[in-house]
C-alpha atoms as a PDB file:
ATOM      1  CA  UNK A   1      -1.878 -26.278 -26.094  1.00  0.00           C
ATOM      2  CA  UNK A   2      -2.112 -25.416 -22.982  1.00  0.00           C
ATOM      3  CA  UNK A   3       1.256 -25.603 -20.226  1.00  0.00           C
ATOM      4  CA  UNK A   4       1.331 -28.955 -18.464  1.00  0.00           C
ATOM      5  CA  UNK A   5       2.119 -28.445 -14.874  1.00  0.00           C
ATOM      6  CA  UNK A   6       3.179 -31.462 -13.015  1.00  0.00           C
ATOM      7  CA  UNK A   7       2.319 -31.023  -9.381  1.00  0.00           C
ATOM      8  CA  UNK A   8       1.349 -32.241  -6.023  1.00  0.00           C
ATOM      9  CA  UNK A   9      -0.928 -30.396  -4.176  1.00  0.00           C
ATOM     10  CA  UNK A  10      -0.014 -31.121  -0.960  1.00  0.00           C
ATOM     11  CA  UNK A  11       3.194 -29.096  -2.107  1.00  0.00           C
ATOM     12  CA  UNK A  12       3.113 -25.528  -1.504  1.00  0.00           C
ATOM     13  CA  UNK A  13       5.495 -24.924  -4.074  1.00  0.00           C
ATOM     14  CA  UNK A  14       3.445 -26.447  -6.304  1.00  0.00           C
ATOM     15  CA  UNK A  15       0.291 -24.183  -4.467  1.00  0.00           C
ATOM     16  CA  UNK A  16       2.141 -20.963  -5.575  1.00  0.00           C
ATOM     17  CA  UNK A  17       1.910 -21.609  -9.389  1.00  0.00           C
ATOM     18  CA  UNK A  18      -1.755 -22.804  -8.584  1.00  0.00           C
ATOM     19  CA  UNK A  19      -2.634 -19.480  -7.279  1.00  0.00           C
ATOM     20  CA  UNK A  20      -0.247 -17.832  -9.491  1.00  0.00           C
ATOM     21  CA  UNK A  21      -2.022 -19.392 -12.589  1.00  0.00           C
ATOM     22  CA  UNK A  22      -5.897 -18.750 -11.003  1.00  0.00           C
ATOM     23  CA  UNK A  23      -5.072 -15.100 -10.671  1.00  0.00           C
ATOM     24  CA  UNK A  24      -3.309 -14.310 -13.809  1.00  0.00           C
ATOM     25  CA  UNK A  25      -6.829 -16.462 -15.297  1.00  0.00           C
ATOM     26  CA  UNK A  26      -4.122 -18.815 -16.978  1.00  0.00           C
ATOM     27  CA  UNK A  27      -5.293 -22.303 -18.125  1.00  0.00           C
ATOM     28  CA  UNK A  28      -3.336 -25.177 -17.331  1.00  0.00           C
ATOM     29  CA  UNK A  29      -3.154 -28.636 -18.214  1.00  0.00           C
ATOM     30  CA  UNK A  30      -2.336 -30.566 -15.066  1.00  0.00           C
ATOM     31  CA  UNK A  31      -0.172 -34.017 -14.409  1.00  0.00           C
ATOM     32  CA  UNK A  32      -0.337 -34.975 -10.875  1.00  0.00           C
ATOM     33  CA  UNK A  33       3.749 -37.007  -9.273  1.00  0.00           C
ATOM     34  CA  UNK A  34       3.115 -39.235  -6.793  1.00  0.00           C
ATOM     35  CA  UNK A  35       6.304 -38.733  -4.668  1.00  0.00           C
ATOM     36  CA  UNK A  36       5.376 -41.689  -2.083  1.00  0.00           C
ATOM     37  CA  UNK A  37       5.540 -43.928  -5.296  1.00  0.00           C
ATOM     38  CA  UNK A  38       8.330 -42.638  -6.400  1.00  0.00           C
ATOM     39  CA  UNK A  39       7.405 -41.371 -10.008  1.00  0.00           C
ATOM     40  CA  UNK A  40       9.388 -38.213  -9.657  1.00  0.00           C
ATOM     41  CA  UNK A  41      12.147 -40.868 -10.183  1.00  0.00           C
ATOM     42  CA  UNK A  42      11.099 -42.463 -12.770  1.00  0.00           C
ATOM     43  CA  UNK A  43      13.253 -42.313 -15.657  1.00  0.00           C
ATOM     44  CA  UNK A  44      11.283 -39.914 -17.981  1.00  0.00           C
ATOM     45  CA  UNK A  45      10.180 -37.183 -15.564  1.00  0.00           C
ATOM     46  CA  UNK A  46      14.186 -37.275 -14.283  1.00  0.00           C
ATOM     47  CA  UNK A  47      15.597 -36.522 -17.940  1.00  0.00           C
ATOM     48  CA  UNK A  48      13.162 -33.625 -18.396  1.00  0.00           C
ATOM     49  CA  UNK A  49      13.711 -32.988 -14.232  1.00  0.00           C
ATOM     50  CA  UNK A  50      17.082 -33.588 -13.229  1.00  0.00           C
ATOM     51  CA  UNK A  51      16.365 -32.156 -10.054  1.00  0.00           C
ATOM     52  CA  UNK A  52      13.397 -34.726  -9.488  1.00  0.00           C
ATOM     53  CA  UNK A  53      11.188 -31.957  -8.236  1.00  0.00           C
ATOM     54  CA  UNK A  54       7.295 -30.591  -8.074  1.00  0.00           C
ATOM     55  CA  UNK A  55       6.224 -28.212  -9.757  1.00  0.00           C
ATOM     56  CA  UNK A  56       7.493 -28.399 -13.164  1.00  0.00           C
ATOM     57  CA  UNK A  57       5.853 -26.663 -16.266  1.00  0.00           C
ATOM     58  CA  UNK A  58       6.591 -27.822 -19.861  1.00  0.00           C
ATOM     59  CA  UNK A  59       5.692 -24.893 -22.183  1.00  0.00           C
ATOM     60  CA  UNK A  60       6.103 -25.995 -25.988  1.00  0.00           C
ATOM     61  CA  UNK A  61      10.542 -27.190 -26.063  1.00  0.00           C
ATOM     62  CA  UNK A  62      10.573 -24.905 -22.305  1.00  0.00           C
ATOM     63  CA  UNK A  63      11.292 -27.280 -19.351  1.00  0.00           C
ATOM     64  CA  UNK A  64      11.222 -24.605 -16.164  1.00  0.00           C
ATOM     65  CA  UNK A  65      11.601 -25.757 -12.753  1.00  0.00           C
ATOM     66  CA  UNK A  66      11.844 -24.190  -9.742  1.00  0.00           C
ATOM     67  CA  UNK A  67       8.070 -22.177  -8.101  1.00  0.00           C
ATOM     68  CA  UNK A  68      10.204 -18.911  -7.824  1.00  0.00           C
ATOM     69  CA  UNK A  69      10.542 -19.241 -11.725  1.00  0.00           C
ATOM     70  CA  UNK A  70       7.351 -20.747 -12.684  1.00  0.00           C
ATOM     71  CA  UNK A  71       5.671 -18.184 -11.024  1.00  0.00           C
ATOM     72  CA  UNK A  72       7.699 -14.989 -12.615  1.00  0.00           C
ATOM     73  CA  UNK A  73       7.393 -16.644 -16.488  1.00  0.00           C
ATOM     74  CA  UNK A  74       3.755 -16.891 -15.940  1.00  0.00           C
ATOM     75  CA  UNK A  75       3.566 -13.529 -14.997  1.00  0.00           C
ATOM     76  CA  UNK A  76       5.791 -12.479 -17.458  1.00  0.00           C
ATOM     77  CA  UNK A  77       4.307 -14.038 -20.379  1.00  0.00           C
ATOM     78  CA  UNK A  78       0.508 -13.620 -19.030  1.00  0.00           C
ATOM     79  CA  UNK A  79       0.010  -9.897 -17.667  1.00  0.00           C
ATOM     80  CA  UNK A  80      -1.859  -7.949 -19.350  1.00  0.00           C
ATOM     81  CA  UNK A  81      -4.100  -5.077 -18.930  1.00  0.00           C
ATOM     82  CA  UNK A  82      -6.965  -7.088 -16.490  1.00  0.00           C
ATOM     83  CA  UNK A  83      -4.463  -8.417 -14.411  1.00  0.00           C
ATOM     84  CA  UNK A  84      -1.798  -5.599 -14.081  1.00  0.00           C
ATOM     85  CA  UNK A  85      -1.435  -5.316 -10.613  1.00  0.00           C
ATOM     86  CA  UNK A  86      -0.137  -8.971 -10.134  1.00  0.00           C
ATOM     87  CA  UNK A  87       3.093  -8.205 -11.848  1.00  0.00           C
ATOM     88  CA  UNK A  88       3.320  -4.253 -12.290  1.00  0.00           C
ATOM     89  CA  UNK A  89       5.948  -2.843 -14.474  1.00  0.00           C
ATOM     90  CA  UNK A  90       7.281  -0.340 -12.017  1.00  0.00           C
ATOM     91  CA  UNK A  91      11.133  -2.280 -11.850  1.00  0.00           C
ATOM     92  CA  UNK A  92      11.190  -1.087  -8.726  1.00  0.00           C
ATOM     93  CA  UNK A  93       7.789  -3.067  -7.188  1.00  0.00           C
ATOM     94  CA  UNK A  94       9.039  -5.965  -9.389  1.00  0.00           C
ATOM     95  CA  UNK A  95      12.620  -6.043  -7.681  1.00  0.00           C
ATOM     96  CA  UNK A  96      10.694  -6.452  -4.237  1.00  0.00           C
ATOM     97  CA  UNK A  97       8.526  -8.735  -5.588  1.00  0.00           C
ATOM     98  CA  UNK A  98      11.280 -10.651  -6.884  1.00  0.00           C
ATOM     99  CA  UNK A  99      13.087 -10.076  -3.346  1.00  0.00           C
ATOM    100  CA  UNK A 100       9.725 -11.407  -1.398  1.00  0.00           C
ATOM    101  CA  UNK A 101       9.806 -14.812  -3.775  1.00  0.00           C
ATOM    102  CA  UNK A 102      13.209 -15.617  -3.019  1.00  0.00           C
ATOM    103  CA  UNK A 103      12.736 -14.723   0.291  1.00  0.00           C
ATOM    104  CA  UNK A 104      10.101 -17.497   0.008  1.00  0.00           C
ATOM    105  CA  UNK A 105      12.425 -19.763  -1.384  1.00  0.00           C
ATOM    106  CA  UNK A 106      15.131 -19.410   0.518  1.00  0.00           C
ATOM    107  CA  UNK A 107      14.159 -18.995   3.705  1.00  0.00           C
ATOM    108  CA  UNK A 108      10.567 -20.345   4.056  1.00  0.00           C
ATOM    109  CA  UNK A 109      10.616 -23.826   1.782  1.00  0.00           C
ATOM    110  CA  UNK A 110      14.181 -24.498   2.886  1.00  0.00           C
ATOM    111  CA  UNK A 111      12.738 -24.542   6.939  1.00  0.00           C
ATOM    112  CA  UNK A 112       9.698 -26.529   5.674  1.00  0.00           C
ATOM    113  CA  UNK A 113      11.990 -28.937   4.638  1.00  0.00           C
ATOM    114  CA  UNK A 114      13.945 -29.374   7.383  1.00  0.00           C
ATOM    115  CA  UNK A 115      10.646 -29.471  10.002  1.00  0.00           C
ATOM    116  CA  UNK A 116       8.567 -31.726   7.522  1.00  0.00           C
ATOM    117  CA  UNK A 117      10.861 -34.757   6.551  1.00  0.00           C
ATOM    118  CA  UNK A 118      12.008 -35.754  10.221  1.00  0.00           C
ATOM    119  CA  UNK A 119       8.592 -34.683  11.552  1.00  0.00           C
ATOM    120  CA  UNK A 120       6.802 -36.861   8.562  1.00  0.00           C
ATOM    121  CA  UNK A 121       9.071 -39.238   7.545  1.00  0.00           C
ATOM    122  CA  UNK A 122      11.582 -39.804   9.952  1.00  0.00           C
ATOM    123  CA  UNK A 123       9.184 -40.563  13.452  1.00  0.00           C
ATOM    124  CA  UNK A 124      10.350 -37.941  14.878  1.00  0.00           C
ATOM    125  CA  UNK A 125       7.458 -36.591  17.632  1.00  0.00           C
ATOM    126  CA  UNK A 126       8.427 -33.173  18.579  1.00  0.00           C
ATOM    127  CA  UNK A 127       9.983 -30.158  16.168  1.00  0.00           C
ATOM    128  CA  UNK A 128      13.463 -28.834  17.067  1.00  0.00           C
ATOM    129  CA  UNK A 129      13.666 -25.529  19.160  1.00  0.00           C
ATOM    130  CA  UNK A 130      16.018 -24.087  16.476  1.00  0.00           C
ATOM    131  CA  UNK A 131      13.907 -25.010  14.002  1.00  0.00           C
ATOM    132  CA  UNK A 132      10.647 -23.436  15.739  1.00  0.00           C
ATOM    133  CA  UNK A 133      12.896 -19.994  16.564  1.00  0.00           C
ATOM    134  CA  UNK A 134      13.687 -19.676  12.984  1.00  0.00           C
ATOM    135  CA  UNK A 135      10.252 -20.111  11.970  1.00  0.00           C
ATOM    136  CA  UNK A 136       9.403 -17.659  14.533  1.00  0.00           C
ATOM    137  CA  UNK A 137      11.997 -15.125  12.913  1.00  0.00           C
ATOM    138  CA  UNK A 138      10.659 -15.080   9.811  1.00  0.00           C
ATOM    139  CA  UNK A 139       7.059 -14.566  10.588  1.00  0.00           C
ATOM    140  CA  UNK A 140       8.316 -11.414  12.424  1.00  0.00           C
ATOM    141  CA  UNK A 141      10.104 -10.566   9.176  1.00  0.00           C
ATOM    142  CA  UNK A 142       7.513 -10.721   6.875  1.00  0.00           C
ATOM    143  CA  UNK A 143       5.421  -8.633   9.417  1.00  0.00           C
ATOM    144  CA  UNK A 144       8.008  -6.028   9.022  1.00  0.00           C
ATOM    145  CA  UNK A 145       7.265  -6.702   5.438  1.00  0.00           C
ATOM    146  CA  UNK A 146       3.965  -5.886   5.505  1.00  0.00           C
ATOM    147  CA  UNK A 147       4.449  -2.671   7.393  1.00  0.00           C
ATOM    148  CA  UNK A 148       1.143  -0.736   7.274  1.00  0.00           C
ATOM    149  CA  UNK A 149       0.676  -2.288   3.962  1.00  0.00           C
ATOM    150  CA  UNK A 150      -2.301  -4.981   3.396  1.00  0.00           C
ATOM    151  CA  UNK A 151      -0.110  -6.351   0.658  1.00  0.00           C
ATOM    152  CA  UNK A 152       3.441  -8.018   0.737  1.00  0.00           C
ATOM    153  CA  UNK A 153       4.472  -5.446  -2.201  1.00  0.00           C
ATOM    154  CA  UNK A 154       2.698  -1.970  -2.928  1.00  0.00           C
ATOM    155  CA  UNK A 155      -1.283  -1.635  -2.852  1.00  0.00           C
ATOM    156  CA  UNK A 156      -2.269  -4.447  -4.479  1.00  0.00           C
ATOM    157  CA  UNK A 157      -2.360  -8.172  -4.126  1.00  0.00           C
ATOM    158  CA  UNK A 158       0.968  -9.181  -6.586  1.00  0.00           C
ATOM    159  CA  UNK A 159       2.234 -13.020  -7.164  1.00  0.00           C
ATOM    160  CA  UNK A 160       4.438 -12.212  -4.302  1.00  0.00           C
ATOM    161  CA  UNK A 161       1.039 -12.695  -2.112  1.00  0.00           C
ATOM    162  CA  UNK A 162       0.548 -16.150  -4.126  1.00  0.00           C
ATOM    163  CA  UNK A 163       3.965 -17.466  -4.022  1.00  0.00           C
ATOM    164  CA  UNK A 164       4.586 -16.544  -0.286  1.00  0.00           C
ATOM    165  CA  UNK A 165       0.903 -17.675   1.258  1.00  0.00           C
ATOM    166  CA  UNK A 166       1.323 -22.106   0.365  1.00  0.00           C
ATOM    167  CA  UNK A 167       4.296 -21.639   2.619  1.00  0.00           C
ATOM    168  CA  UNK A 168       2.776 -19.685   5.657  1.00  0.00           C
ATOM    169  CA  UNK A 169       0.040 -21.226   5.457  1.00  0.00           C
ATOM    170  CA  UNK A 170       2.000 -24.573   5.258  1.00  0.00           C
ATOM    171  CA  UNK A 171       4.495 -23.237   8.378  1.00  0.00           C
ATOM    172  CA  UNK A 172       1.018 -21.701  10.281  1.00  0.00           C
ATOM    173  CA  UNK A 173       0.260 -25.966  10.942  1.00  0.00           C
ATOM    174  CA  UNK A 174       3.557 -26.775  12.144  1.00  0.00           C
ATOM    175  CA  UNK A 175       4.409 -23.686  14.524  1.00  0.00           C
ATOM    176  CA  UNK A 176       1.693 -22.107  15.185  1.00  0.00           C
ATOM    177  CA  UNK A 177       2.151 -17.739  14.365  1.00  0.00           C
ATOM    178  CA  UNK A 178       2.137 -15.562  17.374  1.00  0.00           C
ATOM    179  CA  UNK A 179      -1.228 -13.550  17.387  1.00  0.00           C
ATOM    180  CA  UNK A 180       0.504 -10.957  19.746  1.00  0.00           C
ATOM    181  CA  UNK A 181       3.593 -10.578  18.057  1.00  0.00           C
ATOM    182  CA  UNK A 182       2.475 -10.929  13.824  1.00  0.00           C
ATOM    183  CA  UNK A 183      -1.344  -9.505  13.967  1.00  0.00           C
ATOM    184  CA  UNK A 184      -0.404  -8.049  10.835  1.00  0.00           C
ATOM    185  CA  UNK A 185       0.575 -11.112   9.313  1.00  0.00           C
ATOM    186  CA  UNK A 186      -2.644 -12.838  10.667  1.00  0.00           C
ATOM    187  CA  UNK A 187      -4.882 -10.179   8.895  1.00  0.00           C
ATOM    188  CA  UNK A 188      -2.736 -10.371   5.725  1.00  0.00           C
ATOM    189  CA  UNK A 189      -3.659 -14.564   5.894  1.00  0.00           C
ATOM    190  CA  UNK A 190      -7.400 -13.695   6.251  1.00  0.00           C
ATOM    191  CA  UNK A 191      -7.293 -11.245   3.543  1.00  0.00           C
ATOM    192  CA  UNK A 192      -5.306 -13.755   0.952  1.00  0.00           C
ATOM    193  CA  UNK A 193      -8.053 -15.921   2.059  1.00  0.00           C
ATOM    194  CA  UNK A 194     -10.908 -14.144   0.829  1.00  0.00           C
ATOM    195  CA  UNK A 195      -9.242 -14.338  -2.645  1.00  0.00           C
ATOM    196  CA  UNK A 196     -12.120 -16.551  -5.060  1.00  0.00           C
ATOM    197  CA  UNK A 197      -9.352 -18.400  -6.592  1.00  0.00           C
ATOM    198  CA  UNK A 198      -8.161 -19.130  -2.981  1.00  0.00           C
ATOM    199  CA  UNK A 199      -9.244 -22.831  -3.069  1.00  0.00           C
ATOM    200  CA  UNK A 200      -5.950 -23.877  -4.934  1.00  0.00           C
ATOM    201  CA  UNK A 201      -4.122 -23.700  -1.710  1.00  0.00           C
ATOM    202  CA  UNK A 202      -6.882 -24.622   0.599  1.00  0.00           C
ATOM    203  CA  UNK A 203      -7.233 -28.046  -1.269  1.00  0.00           C
ATOM    204  CA  UNK A 204      -3.755 -28.721  -0.708  1.00  0.00           C
ATOM    205  CA  UNK A 205      -3.253 -27.117   2.481  1.00  0.00           C
ATOM    206  CA  UNK A 206      -5.934 -29.224   3.836  1.00  0.00           C
ATOM    207  CA  UNK A 207      -4.173 -32.759   2.933  1.00  0.00           C
ATOM    208  CA  UNK A 208      -0.944 -30.977   4.328  1.00  0.00           C
ATOM    209  CA  UNK A 209      -3.110 -30.654   7.825  1.00  0.00           C
ATOM    210  CA  UNK A 210      -4.364 -33.967   7.425  1.00  0.00           C
ATOM    211  CA  UNK A 211      -0.706 -35.515   6.917  1.00  0.00           C
ATOM    212  CA  UNK A 212       0.073 -33.674  10.323  1.00  0.00           C
ATOM    213  CA  UNK A 213      -2.774 -35.021  11.577  1.00  0.00           C
ATOM    214  CA  UNK A 214      -1.244 -38.561  10.635  1.00  0.00           C
ATOM    215  CA  UNK A 215       1.818 -37.666  11.814  1.00  0.00           C
ATOM    216  CA  UNK A 216       0.698 -36.694  15.453  1.00  0.00           C
ATOM    217  CA  UNK A 217      -1.655 -39.791  15.656  1.00  0.00           C
ATOM    218  CA  UNK A 218       1.542 -42.452  14.884  1.00  0.00           C
ATOM    219  CA  UNK A 219       4.211 -40.581  17.033  1.00  0.00           C
ATOM    220  CA  UNK A 220       0.682 -40.694  20.131  1.00  0.00           C
ATOM    221  CA  UNK A 221       0.135 -44.777  19.569  1.00  0.00           C
ATOM    222  CA  UNK A 222       4.432 -45.144  19.020  1.00  0.00           C
ATOM    223  CA  UNK A 223       4.464 -44.016  22.421  1.00  0.00           C
ATOM    224  CA  UNK A 224       1.640 -45.769  24.063  1.00  0.00           C
END
């Protein structure tokens, strides 16, 4: 039986796991969780996942939450000779990959949450300038992570790139990346978009863009 992934495509953390599964050629079963109707708060789900978040992976007797933990687990279990570059054995490269995942979770995903909630769900018509500054600072740090490389760690696409791209592209919808300040970051986005399985991000990203446009339209109607 394939592992079951509980997800919502609009969720950047869910998309990071989806991309990783595609990149590793891992077969998963899926259950979509409608958080708008409170499915994540239902007793059966909360019993498995007290954090009542998505994504959640169920693999036999293992229940795993947090996208970074799930991504590392999938890479540890399913990396083989055909996809070894996705999660190389070199401990130094793995340490850098883990750092990028933790940066994604602790900084980018946290920042997205701070922006999305008031903007999408509380009727705020603008994004706090301090959050915009934090987003631009995060972009500048990612630019430095890239340095002269094409990928976030080493010379190949790894799970670090697949974990980061949903957060970066979603944040870019809200706070556009400055082309002059971060040209390498934009080139990296274009490079990841060429991956044959990038649709695992683009579908949910389109939903995210539509939600953003709806929030802007609602703000305009309220102002009239």
